[in-house]
N, C-alpha and C. Protein backbone atom coordinates (compact mmCIF):
# COMPACT_ATOMS: atom_id res chain seq x y z
N UNK A 1 -168.00 2.37 33.09
CA UNK A 1 -167.78 3.63 32.29
C UNK A 1 -168.08 4.87 33.29
N UNK A 2 -167.00 5.77 33.29
CA UNK A 2 -167.12 6.86 34.05
C UNK A 2 -167.26 8.17 33.28
N UNK A 3 -168.01 8.99 33.89
CA UNK A 3 -168.46 10.24 33.11
C UNK A 3 -167.80 11.43 33.76
N UNK A 4 -167.35 12.54 32.95
CA UNK A 4 -166.87 13.72 33.62
C UNK A 4 -168.04 14.62 33.91
N UNK A 5 -167.66 15.78 34.44
CA UNK A 5 -168.72 16.68 34.83
C UNK A 5 -169.66 17.21 33.78
N UNK A 6 -169.25 17.58 32.61
CA UNK A 6 -170.05 17.95 31.55
C UNK A 6 -171.03 16.85 31.13
N UNK A 7 -170.49 15.62 30.99
CA UNK A 7 -171.37 14.60 30.61
C UNK A 7 -172.45 14.28 31.59
N UNK A 8 -172.06 14.31 32.88
CA UNK A 8 -173.11 14.16 33.90
C UNK A 8 -174.23 15.08 33.87
N UNK A 9 -173.90 16.33 33.55
CA UNK A 9 -174.79 17.49 33.43
C UNK A 9 -175.75 17.25 32.14
N UNK A 10 -175.09 16.84 31.22
CA UNK A 10 -176.00 16.65 29.91
C UNK A 10 -176.96 15.36 30.20
N UNK A 11 -176.43 14.38 30.84
CA UNK A 11 -177.28 13.30 31.15
C UNK A 11 -178.36 13.64 32.03
N UNK A 12 -178.03 14.52 33.05
CA UNK A 12 -179.09 14.94 33.96
C UNK A 12 -180.21 15.76 33.29
N UNK A 13 -179.82 16.58 32.31
CA UNK A 13 -180.77 17.26 31.46
C UNK A 13 -181.51 16.39 30.52
N UNK A 14 -180.97 15.33 30.02
CA UNK A 14 -181.67 14.38 29.09
C UNK A 14 -182.67 13.56 30.03
N UNK A 15 -182.30 13.12 31.23
CA UNK A 15 -183.25 12.50 32.05
C UNK A 15 -184.31 13.37 32.41
N UNK A 16 -183.96 14.73 32.72
CA UNK A 16 -185.04 15.69 33.05
C UNK A 16 -186.04 15.78 31.87
N UNK A 17 -185.56 15.82 30.64
CA UNK A 17 -186.44 16.08 29.43
C UNK A 17 -187.25 14.85 29.28
N UNK A 18 -186.64 13.57 29.54
CA UNK A 18 -187.48 12.41 29.48
C UNK A 18 -188.50 12.32 30.50
N UNK A 19 -188.18 12.67 31.73
CA UNK A 19 -189.20 12.61 32.86
C UNK A 19 -190.22 13.65 32.52
N UNK A 20 -189.79 14.80 32.10
CA UNK A 20 -190.84 15.95 31.84
C UNK A 20 -191.75 15.55 30.64
N UNK A 21 -191.14 14.91 29.64
CA UNK A 21 -191.99 14.44 28.44
C UNK A 21 -192.99 13.40 28.87
N UNK A 22 -192.53 12.45 29.76
CA UNK A 22 -193.34 11.32 30.14
C UNK A 22 -194.54 12.01 31.04
N UNK A 23 -194.17 12.87 31.89
CA UNK A 23 -195.22 13.60 32.78
C UNK A 23 -196.18 14.44 31.90
N UNK A 24 -195.65 15.16 30.95
CA UNK A 24 -196.49 16.01 30.06
C UNK A 24 -197.39 15.01 29.25
N UNK A 25 -196.81 13.93 28.77
CA UNK A 25 -197.63 12.77 28.00
C UNK A 25 -198.86 12.36 28.80
N UNK A 26 -198.52 12.03 30.06
CA UNK A 26 -199.60 11.51 30.88
C UNK A 26 -200.68 12.61 31.18
N UNK A 27 -200.24 13.84 31.44
CA UNK A 27 -201.21 14.86 31.57
C UNK A 27 -202.03 15.10 30.38
N UNK A 28 -201.40 15.12 29.12
CA UNK A 28 -202.04 15.33 27.78
C UNK A 28 -203.11 14.21 27.58
N UNK A 29 -202.81 12.99 27.80
CA UNK A 29 -203.65 11.90 27.59
C UNK A 29 -204.82 12.05 28.64
N UNK A 30 -204.57 12.33 29.83
CA UNK A 30 -205.60 12.59 30.75
C UNK A 30 -206.63 13.67 30.29
N UNK A 31 -206.02 14.77 29.70
CA UNK A 31 -206.86 15.95 29.25
C UNK A 31 -207.42 15.74 27.86
N UNK A 32 -207.05 14.65 27.26
CA UNK A 32 -207.39 14.30 25.78
C UNK A 32 -206.82 15.44 24.92
N UNK A 33 -205.60 15.78 25.12
CA UNK A 33 -204.98 16.70 24.20
C UNK A 33 -204.01 16.02 23.31
N UNK A 34 -204.27 15.90 22.00
CA UNK A 34 -203.43 15.13 21.07
C UNK A 34 -202.14 15.87 20.75
N UNK A 35 -202.26 17.03 20.61
CA UNK A 35 -201.09 17.91 20.16
C UNK A 35 -200.10 17.84 21.40
N UNK A 36 -200.53 17.99 22.54
CA UNK A 36 -199.78 17.96 23.80
C UNK A 36 -199.03 16.58 23.98
N UNK A 37 -199.73 15.45 23.55
CA UNK A 37 -199.33 14.10 23.78
C UNK A 37 -198.23 13.87 22.83
N UNK A 38 -198.43 14.40 21.48
CA UNK A 38 -197.35 14.30 20.48
C UNK A 38 -196.03 15.15 20.88
N UNK A 39 -196.29 16.28 21.47
CA UNK A 39 -195.23 17.15 21.93
C UNK A 39 -194.46 16.57 23.15
N UNK A 40 -195.19 15.88 23.97
CA UNK A 40 -194.62 15.24 25.12
C UNK A 40 -193.77 14.03 24.67
N UNK A 41 -194.27 13.27 23.81
CA UNK A 41 -193.58 12.05 23.22
C UNK A 41 -192.29 12.66 22.58
N UNK A 42 -192.45 13.65 21.89
CA UNK A 42 -191.15 14.16 21.13
C UNK A 42 -190.10 14.61 22.12
N UNK A 43 -190.55 15.30 23.22
CA UNK A 43 -189.67 15.74 24.28
C UNK A 43 -189.05 14.48 24.99
N UNK A 44 -189.91 13.50 25.24
CA UNK A 44 -189.29 12.32 26.00
C UNK A 44 -188.27 11.63 25.03
N UNK A 45 -188.61 11.57 23.76
CA UNK A 45 -187.58 10.89 22.83
C UNK A 45 -186.33 11.72 22.66
N UNK A 46 -186.50 13.13 22.74
CA UNK A 46 -185.24 13.94 22.68
C UNK A 46 -184.47 13.70 23.85
N UNK A 47 -185.06 13.65 25.08
CA UNK A 47 -184.30 13.35 26.36
C UNK A 47 -183.71 11.95 26.29
N UNK A 48 -184.45 10.98 25.82
CA UNK A 48 -183.82 9.67 25.76
C UNK A 48 -182.54 9.59 24.77
N UNK A 49 -182.86 10.30 23.71
CA UNK A 49 -181.72 10.28 22.65
C UNK A 49 -180.48 11.06 23.14
N UNK A 50 -180.75 12.10 23.95
CA UNK A 50 -179.46 12.77 24.50
C UNK A 50 -178.76 11.80 25.41
N UNK A 51 -179.53 11.08 26.31
CA UNK A 51 -178.87 10.19 27.23
C UNK A 51 -178.19 9.13 26.49
N UNK A 52 -178.76 8.57 25.49
CA UNK A 52 -178.09 7.55 24.66
C UNK A 52 -176.92 8.03 23.96
N UNK A 53 -176.97 9.16 23.40
CA UNK A 53 -175.88 9.78 22.69
C UNK A 53 -174.69 9.99 23.64
N UNK A 54 -174.90 10.48 24.80
CA UNK A 54 -173.82 10.85 25.73
C UNK A 54 -173.20 9.44 26.11
N UNK A 55 -174.05 8.55 26.48
CA UNK A 55 -173.47 7.15 26.75
C UNK A 55 -172.67 6.61 25.70
N UNK A 56 -173.18 6.63 24.42
CA UNK A 56 -172.55 6.07 23.33
C UNK A 56 -171.10 6.83 22.96
N UNK A 57 -171.22 8.12 23.19
CA UNK A 57 -170.03 8.89 22.97
C UNK A 57 -168.95 8.53 24.06
N UNK A 58 -169.39 8.36 25.36
CA UNK A 58 -168.41 8.04 26.31
C UNK A 58 -167.89 6.61 26.07
N UNK A 59 -168.72 5.77 25.56
CA UNK A 59 -168.28 4.36 25.28
C UNK A 59 -167.32 4.31 24.08
N UNK A 60 -167.53 5.06 23.15
CA UNK A 60 -166.76 5.16 21.89
C UNK A 60 -165.41 5.79 22.20
N UNK A 61 -165.57 6.94 22.89
CA UNK A 61 -164.32 7.75 23.16
C UNK A 61 -163.36 7.20 24.07
N UNK A 62 -163.88 6.57 25.14
CA UNK A 62 -162.95 6.14 26.20
C UNK A 62 -162.41 4.62 25.85
N UNK A 63 -161.45 4.84 24.94
CA UNK A 63 -160.86 3.61 24.44
C UNK A 63 -159.34 3.63 24.88
N UNK A 64 -158.99 4.52 25.85
CA UNK A 64 -157.66 4.69 26.33
C UNK A 64 -157.07 3.31 26.85
N UNK A 65 -157.75 2.69 27.65
CA UNK A 65 -157.27 1.38 28.33
C UNK A 65 -157.10 0.41 27.15
N UNK A 66 -158.07 0.30 26.19
CA UNK A 66 -157.95 -0.68 25.17
C UNK A 66 -156.74 -0.35 24.26
N UNK A 67 -156.53 0.96 23.96
CA UNK A 67 -155.46 1.29 23.18
C UNK A 67 -154.19 1.01 23.85
N UNK A 68 -154.03 1.37 25.14
CA UNK A 68 -152.89 1.00 26.01
C UNK A 68 -152.53 -0.47 25.96
N UNK A 69 -153.56 -1.29 26.12
CA UNK A 69 -153.44 -2.81 26.13
C UNK A 69 -153.00 -3.21 24.79
N UNK A 70 -153.48 -2.54 23.72
CA UNK A 70 -153.17 -2.94 22.40
C UNK A 70 -151.77 -2.54 22.08
N UNK A 71 -151.34 -1.43 22.52
CA UNK A 71 -149.84 -1.05 22.26
C UNK A 71 -149.01 -1.93 22.99
N UNK A 72 -149.36 -2.31 24.22
CA UNK A 72 -148.46 -3.28 24.94
C UNK A 72 -148.33 -4.61 24.30
N UNK A 73 -149.61 -5.00 23.84
CA UNK A 73 -149.59 -6.39 23.07
C UNK A 73 -148.77 -6.36 21.81
N UNK A 74 -148.92 -5.18 21.08
CA UNK A 74 -148.07 -5.02 19.94
C UNK A 74 -146.56 -4.91 20.22
N UNK A 75 -146.37 -4.26 21.28
CA UNK A 75 -144.90 -4.13 21.73
C UNK A 75 -144.31 -5.58 22.02
N UNK A 76 -145.05 -6.30 22.73
CA UNK A 76 -144.70 -7.63 23.21
C UNK A 76 -144.57 -8.53 21.99
N UNK A 77 -145.56 -8.39 21.11
CA UNK A 77 -145.51 -9.23 19.76
C UNK A 77 -144.25 -8.89 19.01
N UNK A 78 -143.97 -7.57 18.83
CA UNK A 78 -142.82 -7.14 18.14
C UNK A 78 -141.44 -7.67 18.78
N UNK A 79 -141.50 -7.62 20.12
CA UNK A 79 -140.25 -8.24 20.80
C UNK A 79 -140.18 -9.69 20.53
N UNK A 80 -141.33 -10.41 20.71
CA UNK A 80 -141.26 -11.85 20.48
C UNK A 80 -140.90 -12.16 19.01
N UNK A 81 -141.30 -11.36 18.09
CA UNK A 81 -140.94 -11.45 16.66
C UNK A 81 -139.47 -11.28 16.37
N UNK A 82 -138.96 -10.26 17.01
CA UNK A 82 -137.51 -10.02 16.97
C UNK A 82 -136.74 -11.12 17.60
N UNK A 83 -137.15 -11.61 18.85
CA UNK A 83 -136.44 -12.71 19.33
C UNK A 83 -136.47 -13.85 18.48
N UNK A 84 -137.70 -14.27 17.91
CA UNK A 84 -137.79 -15.28 17.12
C UNK A 84 -136.80 -15.23 15.87
N UNK A 85 -136.78 -14.12 15.15
CA UNK A 85 -135.88 -13.93 14.06
C UNK A 85 -134.40 -13.99 14.55
N UNK A 86 -134.07 -13.49 15.75
CA UNK A 86 -132.74 -13.58 16.04
C UNK A 86 -132.39 -15.01 16.55
N UNK A 87 -133.18 -15.87 17.15
CA UNK A 87 -132.97 -17.22 17.46
C UNK A 87 -132.91 -18.07 16.24
N UNK A 88 -133.77 -17.69 15.25
CA UNK A 88 -133.68 -18.50 13.93
C UNK A 88 -132.44 -18.18 13.17
N UNK A 89 -131.95 -16.95 13.20
CA UNK A 89 -130.66 -16.63 12.57
C UNK A 89 -129.53 -17.31 13.33
N UNK A 90 -129.58 -17.35 14.73
CA UNK A 90 -128.44 -18.02 15.40
C UNK A 90 -128.59 -19.49 15.14
N UNK A 91 -129.73 -20.21 14.98
CA UNK A 91 -129.82 -21.49 14.77
C UNK A 91 -129.30 -21.91 13.35
N UNK A 92 -129.59 -21.05 12.39
CA UNK A 92 -129.12 -21.28 11.10
C UNK A 92 -127.59 -21.11 11.05
N UNK A 93 -127.21 -20.13 11.76
CA UNK A 93 -125.69 -19.84 11.81
C UNK A 93 -124.93 -21.10 12.45
N UNK A 94 -125.67 -21.59 13.57
CA UNK A 94 -124.95 -22.74 14.15
C UNK A 94 -125.02 -23.96 13.21
N UNK A 95 -126.18 -24.18 12.60
CA UNK A 95 -126.25 -25.37 11.59
C UNK A 95 -125.16 -25.18 10.49
N UNK A 96 -125.02 -24.02 9.97
CA UNK A 96 -124.02 -23.73 8.94
C UNK A 96 -122.58 -24.08 9.50
N UNK A 97 -122.29 -23.64 10.73
CA UNK A 97 -121.09 -23.83 11.23
C UNK A 97 -120.81 -25.27 11.54
N UNK A 98 -121.85 -25.98 12.03
CA UNK A 98 -121.79 -27.43 12.27
C UNK A 98 -121.49 -28.22 10.97
N UNK A 99 -122.24 -27.75 9.88
CA UNK A 99 -122.02 -28.44 8.55
C UNK A 99 -120.65 -28.20 8.08
N UNK A 100 -120.16 -27.07 8.26
CA UNK A 100 -118.76 -26.59 7.74
C UNK A 100 -117.71 -27.48 8.56
N UNK A 101 -117.90 -27.61 9.89
CA UNK A 101 -117.09 -28.32 10.70
C UNK A 101 -117.06 -29.83 10.44
N UNK A 102 -118.20 -30.31 10.12
CA UNK A 102 -118.28 -31.79 9.82
C UNK A 102 -117.68 -31.97 8.41
N UNK A 103 -117.85 -31.13 7.44
CA UNK A 103 -117.14 -31.31 6.18
C UNK A 103 -115.68 -31.17 6.29
N UNK A 104 -115.23 -30.32 7.14
CA UNK A 104 -113.70 -30.18 7.36
C UNK A 104 -113.14 -31.47 8.07
N UNK A 105 -113.96 -31.97 8.96
CA UNK A 105 -113.55 -33.17 9.72
C UNK A 105 -113.53 -34.36 8.75
N UNK A 106 -114.54 -34.40 7.88
CA UNK A 106 -114.57 -35.54 6.85
C UNK A 106 -113.40 -35.56 5.98
N UNK A 107 -112.99 -34.18 5.61
CA UNK A 107 -111.91 -34.26 4.64
C UNK A 107 -110.60 -34.51 5.36
N UNK A 108 -110.53 -34.02 6.66
CA UNK A 108 -109.21 -34.43 7.50
C UNK A 108 -109.31 -35.88 7.57
N UNK A 109 -110.38 -36.60 7.97
CA UNK A 109 -110.42 -38.04 8.18
C UNK A 109 -110.03 -38.72 6.89
N UNK A 110 -110.48 -38.27 5.76
CA UNK A 110 -110.17 -38.88 4.51
C UNK A 110 -108.71 -38.75 4.07
N UNK A 111 -108.07 -37.64 4.40
CA UNK A 111 -106.70 -37.37 4.16
C UNK A 111 -105.88 -38.34 5.10
N UNK A 112 -106.29 -38.30 6.42
CA UNK A 112 -105.58 -39.19 7.30
C UNK A 112 -105.69 -40.69 6.88
N UNK A 113 -106.81 -41.15 6.45
CA UNK A 113 -107.05 -42.43 5.91
C UNK A 113 -106.09 -42.84 4.79
N UNK A 114 -106.07 -41.86 3.85
CA UNK A 114 -105.04 -42.12 2.76
C UNK A 114 -103.67 -42.30 3.23
N UNK A 115 -103.26 -41.36 4.18
CA UNK A 115 -101.88 -41.51 4.73
C UNK A 115 -101.71 -42.75 5.46
N UNK A 116 -102.60 -43.19 6.28
CA UNK A 116 -102.57 -44.40 6.99
C UNK A 116 -102.52 -45.61 6.11
N UNK A 117 -103.40 -45.66 5.05
CA UNK A 117 -103.42 -46.72 4.11
C UNK A 117 -102.12 -46.83 3.49
N UNK A 118 -101.42 -45.71 3.04
CA UNK A 118 -100.09 -45.67 2.36
C UNK A 118 -99.04 -46.20 3.33
N UNK A 119 -99.10 -45.81 4.55
CA UNK A 119 -98.18 -46.27 5.53
C UNK A 119 -98.29 -47.76 5.82
N UNK A 120 -99.51 -48.27 5.79
CA UNK A 120 -99.85 -49.75 5.98
C UNK A 120 -99.39 -50.48 4.77
N UNK A 121 -99.59 -49.96 3.69
CA UNK A 121 -99.14 -50.61 2.39
C UNK A 121 -97.63 -50.65 2.30
N UNK A 122 -96.89 -49.59 2.75
CA UNK A 122 -95.54 -49.53 2.71
C UNK A 122 -94.97 -50.55 3.72
N UNK A 123 -95.58 -50.58 4.93
CA UNK A 123 -95.15 -51.57 5.98
C UNK A 123 -95.38 -52.89 5.45
N UNK A 124 -96.59 -53.25 4.82
CA UNK A 124 -96.81 -54.54 4.33
C UNK A 124 -95.82 -54.99 3.35
N UNK A 125 -95.52 -54.05 2.38
CA UNK A 125 -94.46 -54.26 1.30
C UNK A 125 -93.08 -54.60 1.86
N UNK A 126 -92.78 -53.83 2.96
CA UNK A 126 -91.50 -54.02 3.60
C UNK A 126 -91.43 -55.39 4.21
N UNK A 127 -92.38 -55.70 4.92
CA UNK A 127 -92.46 -57.08 5.65
C UNK A 127 -92.54 -58.19 4.61
N UNK A 128 -93.24 -57.98 3.62
CA UNK A 128 -93.33 -58.98 2.54
C UNK A 128 -91.88 -59.16 1.97
N UNK A 129 -91.15 -58.05 1.70
CA UNK A 129 -89.87 -58.12 1.22
C UNK A 129 -89.02 -58.91 2.13
N UNK A 130 -89.08 -58.63 3.42
CA UNK A 130 -88.30 -59.32 4.42
C UNK A 130 -88.59 -60.77 4.50
N UNK A 131 -89.94 -61.10 4.44
CA UNK A 131 -90.17 -62.54 4.48
C UNK A 131 -89.70 -63.27 3.14
N UNK A 132 -89.87 -62.59 2.01
CA UNK A 132 -89.29 -63.11 0.80
C UNK A 132 -87.72 -63.26 0.88
N UNK A 133 -87.05 -62.33 1.43
CA UNK A 133 -85.65 -62.52 1.64
C UNK A 133 -85.27 -63.61 2.63
N UNK A 134 -86.01 -63.63 3.72
CA UNK A 134 -85.66 -64.81 4.67
C UNK A 134 -86.06 -66.18 3.97
N UNK A 135 -87.06 -66.23 3.20
CA UNK A 135 -87.43 -67.53 2.59
C UNK A 135 -86.43 -67.82 1.52
N UNK A 136 -86.00 -66.88 0.76
CA UNK A 136 -84.98 -67.05 -0.16
C UNK A 136 -83.69 -67.48 0.46
N UNK A 137 -83.22 -66.90 1.57
CA UNK A 137 -82.09 -67.19 2.39
C UNK A 137 -82.06 -68.62 2.86
N UNK A 138 -83.31 -68.97 3.39
CA UNK A 138 -83.44 -70.29 3.98
C UNK A 138 -83.35 -71.35 2.95
N UNK A 139 -83.96 -71.08 1.70
CA UNK A 139 -83.87 -71.95 0.59
C UNK A 139 -82.53 -72.21 0.03
N UNK A 140 -81.72 -71.08 0.10
CA UNK A 140 -80.29 -71.15 -0.40
C UNK A 140 -79.59 -71.95 0.64
N UNK A 141 -79.75 -71.71 1.86
CA UNK A 141 -79.02 -72.47 2.96
C UNK A 141 -79.38 -73.93 2.91
N UNK A 142 -80.73 -74.29 2.64
CA UNK A 142 -81.10 -75.63 2.54
C UNK A 142 -80.44 -76.27 1.34
N UNK A 143 -80.31 -75.57 0.23
CA UNK A 143 -79.77 -76.09 -1.00
C UNK A 143 -78.23 -76.37 -0.77
N UNK A 144 -77.65 -75.41 -0.18
CA UNK A 144 -76.17 -75.62 0.21
C UNK A 144 -75.89 -76.83 1.07
N UNK A 145 -76.78 -76.97 1.98
CA UNK A 145 -76.52 -78.03 2.92
C UNK A 145 -76.95 -79.38 2.43
N UNK A 146 -77.71 -79.42 1.25
CA UNK A 146 -78.14 -80.69 0.63
C UNK A 146 -79.36 -81.16 1.20
N UNK A 147 -80.17 -80.42 1.94
CA UNK A 147 -81.48 -80.87 2.39
C UNK A 147 -82.48 -80.99 1.49
N UNK A 148 -82.40 -80.39 0.30
CA UNK A 148 -83.38 -80.43 -0.77
C UNK A 148 -83.21 -81.56 -1.76
N UNK A 149 -82.18 -82.31 -1.64
CA UNK A 149 -81.90 -83.39 -2.59
C UNK A 149 -82.85 -84.61 -2.21
N UNK A 150 -83.38 -85.39 -3.23
CA UNK A 150 -84.35 -86.46 -2.95
C UNK A 150 -83.77 -87.57 -1.99
N UNK A 151 -82.43 -87.85 -1.99
CA UNK A 151 -81.99 -88.84 -1.10
C UNK A 151 -81.37 -88.33 0.21
N UNK A 152 -81.80 -87.07 0.55
CA UNK A 152 -81.23 -86.49 1.78
C UNK A 152 -81.93 -87.21 3.01
N UNK A 153 -81.21 -87.37 4.13
CA UNK A 153 -81.85 -87.93 5.29
C UNK A 153 -82.86 -87.01 6.01
N UNK A 154 -83.78 -87.59 6.65
CA UNK A 154 -84.82 -86.77 7.39
C UNK A 154 -84.17 -86.33 8.70
N UNK A 155 -84.39 -85.00 9.05
CA UNK A 155 -83.71 -84.65 10.23
C UNK A 155 -84.27 -85.39 11.56
N UNK A 156 -83.58 -85.58 12.59
CA UNK A 156 -83.84 -86.44 13.70
C UNK A 156 -84.93 -85.71 14.64
N UNK A 157 -85.15 -84.43 14.45
CA UNK A 157 -85.99 -83.73 15.40
C UNK A 157 -87.45 -83.64 14.98
N UNK A 158 -87.97 -84.59 14.39
CA UNK A 158 -89.38 -84.66 13.88
C UNK A 158 -90.20 -85.05 15.13
N UNK A 159 -91.20 -84.41 15.43
CA UNK A 159 -92.08 -84.58 16.53
C UNK A 159 -93.26 -85.50 16.21
N UNK A 160 -93.39 -86.61 16.94
CA UNK A 160 -94.45 -87.55 16.68
C UNK A 160 -95.59 -87.41 17.65
N UNK A 161 -96.78 -87.38 17.19
CA UNK A 161 -97.94 -87.18 18.23
C UNK A 161 -98.47 -88.48 18.51
N UNK A 162 -99.04 -88.72 19.73
CA UNK A 162 -99.29 -89.97 20.22
C UNK A 162 -100.36 -90.76 19.40
N UNK A 163 -101.24 -90.24 18.62
CA UNK A 163 -102.23 -90.87 17.84
C UNK A 163 -101.68 -91.20 16.44
N UNK A 164 -100.69 -90.58 16.10
CA UNK A 164 -100.06 -90.80 14.80
C UNK A 164 -98.83 -91.85 14.89
N UNK A 165 -98.78 -92.50 13.85
CA UNK A 165 -97.73 -93.56 13.75
C UNK A 165 -96.72 -93.06 12.79
N UNK A 166 -95.38 -93.26 12.99
CA UNK A 166 -94.53 -93.02 11.96
C UNK A 166 -94.82 -93.81 10.66
N UNK A 167 -94.44 -93.19 9.66
CA UNK A 167 -94.61 -93.75 8.28
C UNK A 167 -93.68 -95.00 8.07
N UNK A 168 -92.47 -95.10 8.71
CA UNK A 168 -91.63 -96.16 8.58
C UNK A 168 -91.92 -97.48 9.38
N UNK A 169 -92.95 -97.45 10.24
CA UNK A 169 -93.34 -98.64 11.01
C UNK A 169 -94.05 -99.57 10.02
N UNK A 170 -93.85 -100.84 10.35
CA UNK A 170 -94.60 -101.82 9.52
C UNK A 170 -96.15 -101.77 9.80
N UNK A 171 -96.92 -102.19 8.90
CA UNK A 171 -98.31 -102.09 8.94
C UNK A 171 -98.89 -103.04 9.98
N UNK A 172 -98.34 -104.09 10.33
CA UNK A 172 -98.74 -105.05 11.32
C UNK A 172 -98.77 -104.41 12.63
N UNK A 173 -97.74 -103.70 12.92
CA UNK A 173 -97.70 -103.03 14.26
C UNK A 173 -98.71 -101.98 14.38
N UNK A 174 -98.86 -101.25 13.27
CA UNK A 174 -99.98 -100.21 13.35
C UNK A 174 -101.42 -100.89 13.54
N UNK A 175 -101.64 -101.89 12.90
CA UNK A 175 -102.99 -102.48 13.13
C UNK A 175 -103.10 -103.08 14.48
N UNK A 176 -102.02 -103.61 15.07
CA UNK A 176 -102.12 -104.16 16.38
C UNK A 176 -102.37 -103.15 17.42
N UNK A 177 -101.80 -101.84 17.21
CA UNK A 177 -101.99 -100.66 18.14
C UNK A 177 -103.48 -100.21 17.94
N UNK A 178 -103.95 -100.26 16.78
CA UNK A 178 -105.31 -99.77 16.59
C UNK A 178 -106.32 -100.65 17.23
N UNK A 179 -105.99 -102.03 17.36
CA UNK A 179 -106.93 -102.86 17.89
C UNK A 179 -107.07 -102.71 19.43
N UNK A 180 -106.05 -102.10 20.05
CA UNK A 180 -106.08 -101.80 21.43
C UNK A 180 -106.82 -100.57 21.78
N UNK A 181 -107.09 -99.75 20.83
CA UNK A 181 -107.81 -98.52 21.08
C UNK A 181 -109.32 -98.77 21.34
N UNK A 182 -109.92 -97.81 22.14
CA UNK A 182 -111.27 -98.01 22.56
C UNK A 182 -112.21 -97.82 21.45
N UNK A 183 -113.07 -98.86 21.22
CA UNK A 183 -114.06 -98.64 20.23
C UNK A 183 -113.73 -99.10 18.85
N UNK A 184 -112.48 -99.61 18.60
CA UNK A 184 -112.10 -99.98 17.32
C UNK A 184 -112.08 -101.48 17.21
N UNK A 185 -112.70 -102.03 16.23
CA UNK A 185 -112.76 -103.51 16.05
C UNK A 185 -111.83 -103.85 14.92
N UNK A 186 -110.94 -104.67 15.05
CA UNK A 186 -109.95 -105.05 14.02
C UNK A 186 -110.10 -106.57 13.60
N UNK A 187 -109.69 -106.89 12.45
CA UNK A 187 -109.91 -108.20 11.85
C UNK A 187 -109.17 -109.33 12.62
């Protein structure tokens, strides 16, 4: 705590009154003077009160540094508050834009899906119609050639697999072949 010139003078006067009152009190007690002792005590208390009041006034009045620090802290807090609100507004704006973009993309995807399904359905129907036409054409050709009659000969290009025997072989030959297979016991 720093004191200016007037405060220093007042403190010096208060210390002088205090010292004078103490000295006068000691002298009055030594002389057994009660009124002088009371007066000395009063003077000492007045000096002490003056010193205390000056110190308290300087302590109370000198709040410039604290006020400056408080103003800076408030300014920083206001700046932080404004930044917070600006960032929050930007975040909400970005979230709104993202939701709007996602909704638009979902609707585009749904529309594209409908178009693709319709195209696939149309392609399926076209292929099914082609297959039906080819099957009908093949049936007509087979009917015209006589291949569908019950007494029609079996075409010569039937492929036989090694383990299968043709249906027109006698049963004896089939059983003889099976007896030669590995792990087969025949009668």
